[in-house]
C-alpha cells in the first residue's frame, strides 16, 4: 500500500496487528512503518526525494495526490494509463488554494493528540480543496525516469525496514505509523461515516 489516507493505512495496520497477535507472527503494514522514517509522519516526501536528479525539495511541497510523485511512478510502471495532457497541468496544492482565498491552513503536529482540533480543520481544508481539484502537487514535472528513481529510493528504504524486521532489530512500537495512537478515531465505523 502507498496510500496516505489515515483511514486506509490504519485499517491495514490494525488488520496486521490483529493477525500478528492471533497467529503470533510478525505482520506489519510496511507503508505505516515507513511513515515516521521517511518524513516524521507527514505526507510530503521532499526530505526523502529532494536529492534526486532533476528535482529539488521544494518540488514536493504539497505533493500529496496525483502530483509529481504519483504521476512519475505511474509513468515508470504503466505510462499508458497517464493522459499525455499531464504535462500541461499547473502546480496546485491545498496551501496555494487556501492562499488564493485569503485563508491559512492550520499548523498540525503529526500524531499529537493535543492537535486533533487543528488536524480536523486541516482535514476539512483538504476535503474542500479536493471537492474542487483533482490533484495536489506538480504532475507537469513528472517523468518516467524520475519515477524509476523514486521507486528505487522508496524500495531501498522498504528493504532496510524489512531486513530490520526479519532480523528482529525493531521493537513492536517501531512497526506502527505516527497515527497508531489515534487508530480508534480513524477506523471507527461511526467516525468513518461522519468523515464520508
Protein backbone atom coordinates (compact mmCIF):
# COMPACT_ATOMS: atom_id res chain seq x y z
CA UNK A 1 0.00 0.00 0.00
CA UNK A 2 1.22 3.50 -0.81
CA UNK A 3 -1.93 5.41 0.01
CA UNK A 4 -1.55 8.19 2.56
CA UNK A 5 -5.12 8.37 3.87
CA UNK A 6 -5.04 7.52 7.59
CA UNK A 7 -8.38 5.74 7.32
CA UNK A 8 -6.88 3.35 4.78
CA UNK A 9 -3.36 2.68 6.04
CA UNK A 10 -4.54 2.47 9.66
CA UNK A 11 -7.17 -0.12 8.66
CA UNK A 12 -4.42 -2.25 7.11
CA UNK A 13 -2.21 -1.60 10.13
CA UNK A 14 -4.97 -2.69 12.54
CA UNK A 15 -5.57 -5.83 10.45
CA UNK A 16 -1.86 -6.70 10.54
CA UNK A 17 -1.72 -6.10 14.28
CA UNK A 18 -4.74 -8.32 14.94
CA UNK A 19 -3.44 -11.14 12.77
CA UNK A 20 0.04 -10.86 14.29
CA UNK A 21 -1.48 -11.21 17.76
CA UNK A 22 -3.75 -14.11 16.79
CA UNK A 23 -1.10 -16.08 14.89
CA UNK A 24 1.93 -14.99 16.90
CA UNK A 25 3.74 -13.78 13.81
CA UNK A 26 5.32 -10.50 12.78
CA UNK A 27 3.00 -8.90 10.28
CA UNK A 28 3.18 -5.20 9.51
CA UNK A 29 1.92 -2.62 7.08
CA UNK A 30 5.26 -1.58 5.57
CA UNK A 31 3.89 1.80 4.47
CA UNK A 32 2.80 2.58 8.04
CA UNK A 33 6.16 1.57 9.47
CA UNK A 34 7.94 3.73 6.88
CA UNK A 35 5.88 6.87 7.55
CA UNK A 36 7.91 8.01 10.55
CA UNK A 37 11.21 7.06 8.94
CA UNK A 38 10.52 8.87 5.69
CA UNK A 39 9.11 12.18 6.85
CA UNK A 40 8.20 12.17 10.51
CA UNK A 41 4.59 11.28 9.76
CA UNK A 42 3.70 13.94 7.22
CA UNK A 43 2.58 13.33 3.67
CA UNK A 44 5.34 15.11 1.76
CA UNK A 45 8.49 13.36 0.58
CA UNK A 46 10.83 16.28 -0.10
CA UNK A 47 13.32 15.23 2.58
CA UNK A 48 13.50 11.73 1.11
CA UNK A 49 13.36 12.51 -2.61
CA UNK A 50 14.57 16.11 -2.89
CA UNK A 51 18.13 14.96 -3.62
CA UNK A 52 17.15 13.11 -6.80
CA UNK A 53 18.44 14.41 -10.13
CA UNK A 54 16.08 16.84 -11.86
CA UNK A 55 14.10 17.90 -8.77
CA UNK A 56 14.57 19.80 -5.55
CA UNK A 57 12.95 19.56 -2.15
CA UNK A 58 10.52 22.42 -2.87
CA UNK A 59 9.03 20.45 -5.80
CA UNK A 60 7.47 18.08 -3.27
CA UNK A 61 5.73 20.69 -1.11
CA UNK A 62 2.01 19.93 -1.12
CA UNK A 63 2.55 16.93 -3.40
CA UNK A 64 0.05 14.52 -1.89
CA UNK A 65 -2.27 13.17 -4.59
CA UNK A 66 -1.77 12.68 -8.32
CA UNK A 67 1.16 15.10 -8.32
CA UNK A 68 4.86 14.75 -9.10
CA UNK A 69 5.47 11.55 -7.09
CA UNK A 70 2.45 9.51 -8.12
CA UNK A 71 2.46 10.64 -11.77
CA UNK A 72 6.18 9.86 -12.09
CA UNK A 73 5.70 6.41 -10.56
CA UNK A 74 2.79 5.65 -12.89
CA UNK A 75 4.78 6.87 -15.91
CA UNK A 76 7.52 4.42 -14.92
CA UNK A 77 5.16 1.50 -14.30
CA UNK A 78 2.17 1.99 -16.64
CA UNK A 79 2.65 5.01 -18.92
CA UNK A 80 -0.38 4.04 -21.00
CA UNK A 81 -2.58 4.93 -18.01
CA UNK A 82 -1.39 8.55 -17.92
CA UNK A 83 -3.15 11.10 -20.13
CA UNK A 84 -0.48 13.00 -22.14
CA UNK A 85 -2.15 16.23 -21.01
CA UNK A 86 -0.48 15.82 -17.59
CA UNK A 87 2.44 17.87 -18.92
CA UNK A 88 0.22 20.96 -19.10
CA UNK A 89 -1.11 20.76 -15.55
CA UNK A 90 -0.03 23.65 -13.30
CA UNK A 91 1.11 23.21 -9.71
CA UNK A 92 -1.94 23.03 -7.41
CA UNK A 93 -1.85 22.45 -3.65
CA UNK A 94 -4.18 22.88 -0.71
CA UNK A 95 -2.00 25.70 0.61
CA UNK A 96 -1.99 27.58 -2.71
CA UNK A 97 -5.76 27.16 -3.00
CA UNK A 98 -6.34 28.43 0.54
CA UNK A 99 -3.97 31.35 -0.06
CA UNK A 100 -5.96 32.33 -3.16
CA UNK A 101 -8.99 32.58 -0.85
CA UNK A 102 -7.18 34.53 1.86
CA UNK A 103 -7.20 31.57 4.25
CA UNK A 104 -4.36 29.84 6.10
CA UNK A 105 -4.07 26.14 6.74
CA UNK A 106 -3.80 25.20 10.44
CA UNK A 107 -0.37 24.03 11.56
CA UNK A 108 -0.63 20.39 12.62
CA UNK A 109 1.80 18.40 14.77
CA UNK A 110 1.56 14.92 13.30
CA UNK A 111 0.49 12.17 15.67
CA UNK A 112 -0.18 14.52 18.61
CA UNK A 113 -3.47 14.02 20.41
CA UNK A 114 -3.49 17.65 21.59
CA UNK A 115 -3.57 18.84 17.98
CA UNK A 116 -6.66 16.86 16.97
CA UNK A 117 -8.76 20.04 16.53
CA UNK A 118 -6.22 21.57 14.16
CA UNK A 119 -5.84 18.22 12.40
CA UNK A 120 -9.59 18.14 11.78
CA UNK A 121 -9.50 21.73 10.47
CA UNK A 122 -6.66 20.81 8.15
CA UNK A 123 -8.52 17.67 7.02
CA UNK A 124 -11.59 19.80 6.29
CA UNK A 125 -9.48 22.21 4.22
CA UNK A 126 -8.22 19.23 2.21
CA UNK A 127 -11.75 17.99 1.61
CA UNK A 128 -12.81 21.45 0.44
CA UNK A 129 -9.80 21.58 -1.90
CA UNK A 130 -10.46 18.14 -3.39
CA UNK A 131 -14.12 18.95 -3.93
CA UNK A 132 -12.81 21.48 -6.48
CA UNK A 133 -9.49 19.99 -7.65
CA UNK A 134 -8.38 16.52 -8.76
CA UNK A 135 -4.70 16.52 -7.80
CA UNK A 136 -2.27 18.16 -5.42
CA UNK A 137 1.30 18.79 -6.50
CA UNK A 138 3.07 19.37 -9.77
CA UNK A 139 2.29 16.49 -12.14
CA UNK A 140 3.57 18.54 -15.09
CA UNK A 141 7.15 18.00 -13.87
CA UNK A 142 6.75 14.21 -13.78
CA UNK A 143 8.75 11.79 -15.91
CA UNK A 144 9.24 8.03 -16.19
CA UNK A 145 12.94 8.47 -15.38
CA UNK A 146 12.11 10.31 -12.16
CA UNK A 147 9.52 7.63 -11.39
CA UNK A 148 12.21 4.94 -11.63
CA UNK A 149 14.46 6.91 -9.25
CA UNK A 150 11.56 7.44 -6.82
CA UNK A 151 10.63 3.75 -6.88
CA UNK A 152 14.26 2.71 -6.34
CA UNK A 153 14.66 5.13 -3.44
CA UNK A 154 11.46 4.06 -1.69
CA UNK A 155 12.22 0.37 -2.32
CA UNK A 156 15.63 0.88 -0.71
CA UNK A 157 14.02 2.34 2.42
CA UNK A 158 11.50 -0.51 2.49
CA UNK A 159 14.25 -3.12 2.10
CA UNK A 160 16.16 -1.72 5.09
CA UNK A 161 12.98 -1.76 7.17
CA UNK A 162 12.01 -5.32 6.18
CA UNK A 163 15.54 -6.56 6.86
CA UNK A 164 15.44 -4.99 10.33
CA UNK A 165 12.02 -6.56 10.95
CA UNK A 166 13.20 -10.00 9.85
CA UNK A 167 16.35 -9.72 11.94
CA UNK A 168 14.26 -8.75 14.99
CA UNK A 169 16.01 -5.38 15.35
CA UNK A 170 12.84 -3.30 15.69
CA UNK A 171 10.64 -3.04 18.74
CA UNK A 172 6.94 -3.51 18.07
CA UNK A 173 6.33 0.21 18.70
CA UNK A 174 8.55 0.93 15.67
CA UNK A 175 6.25 -1.12 13.42
CA UNK A 176 3.48 1.46 13.64
CA UNK A 177 2.67 4.77 12.00
CA UNK A 178 2.70 8.04 13.94
CA UNK A 179 -1.12 7.91 14.00
CA UNK A 180 -1.31 4.48 15.62
CA UNK A 181 -2.37 6.02 18.94
CA UNK A 182 -5.34 7.63 17.17
CA UNK A 183 -6.41 4.49 15.27
CA UNK A 184 -9.72 4.19 17.13
CA UNK A 185 -10.78 7.52 15.67
CA UNK A 186 -9.81 6.72 12.10
CA UNK A 187 -11.14 3.16 11.87
CA UNK A 188 -14.24 3.59 13.99
CA UNK A 189 -17.25 2.90 11.70
CA UNK A 190 -19.21 5.87 13.05
CA UNK A 191 -16.24 8.21 12.60
CA UNK A 192 -15.70 6.90 9.05
CA UNK A 193 -19.35 7.54 8.16
CA UNK A 194 -19.10 11.05 9.63
CA UNK A 195 -15.91 11.78 7.65
CA UNK A 196 -17.52 10.47 4.45
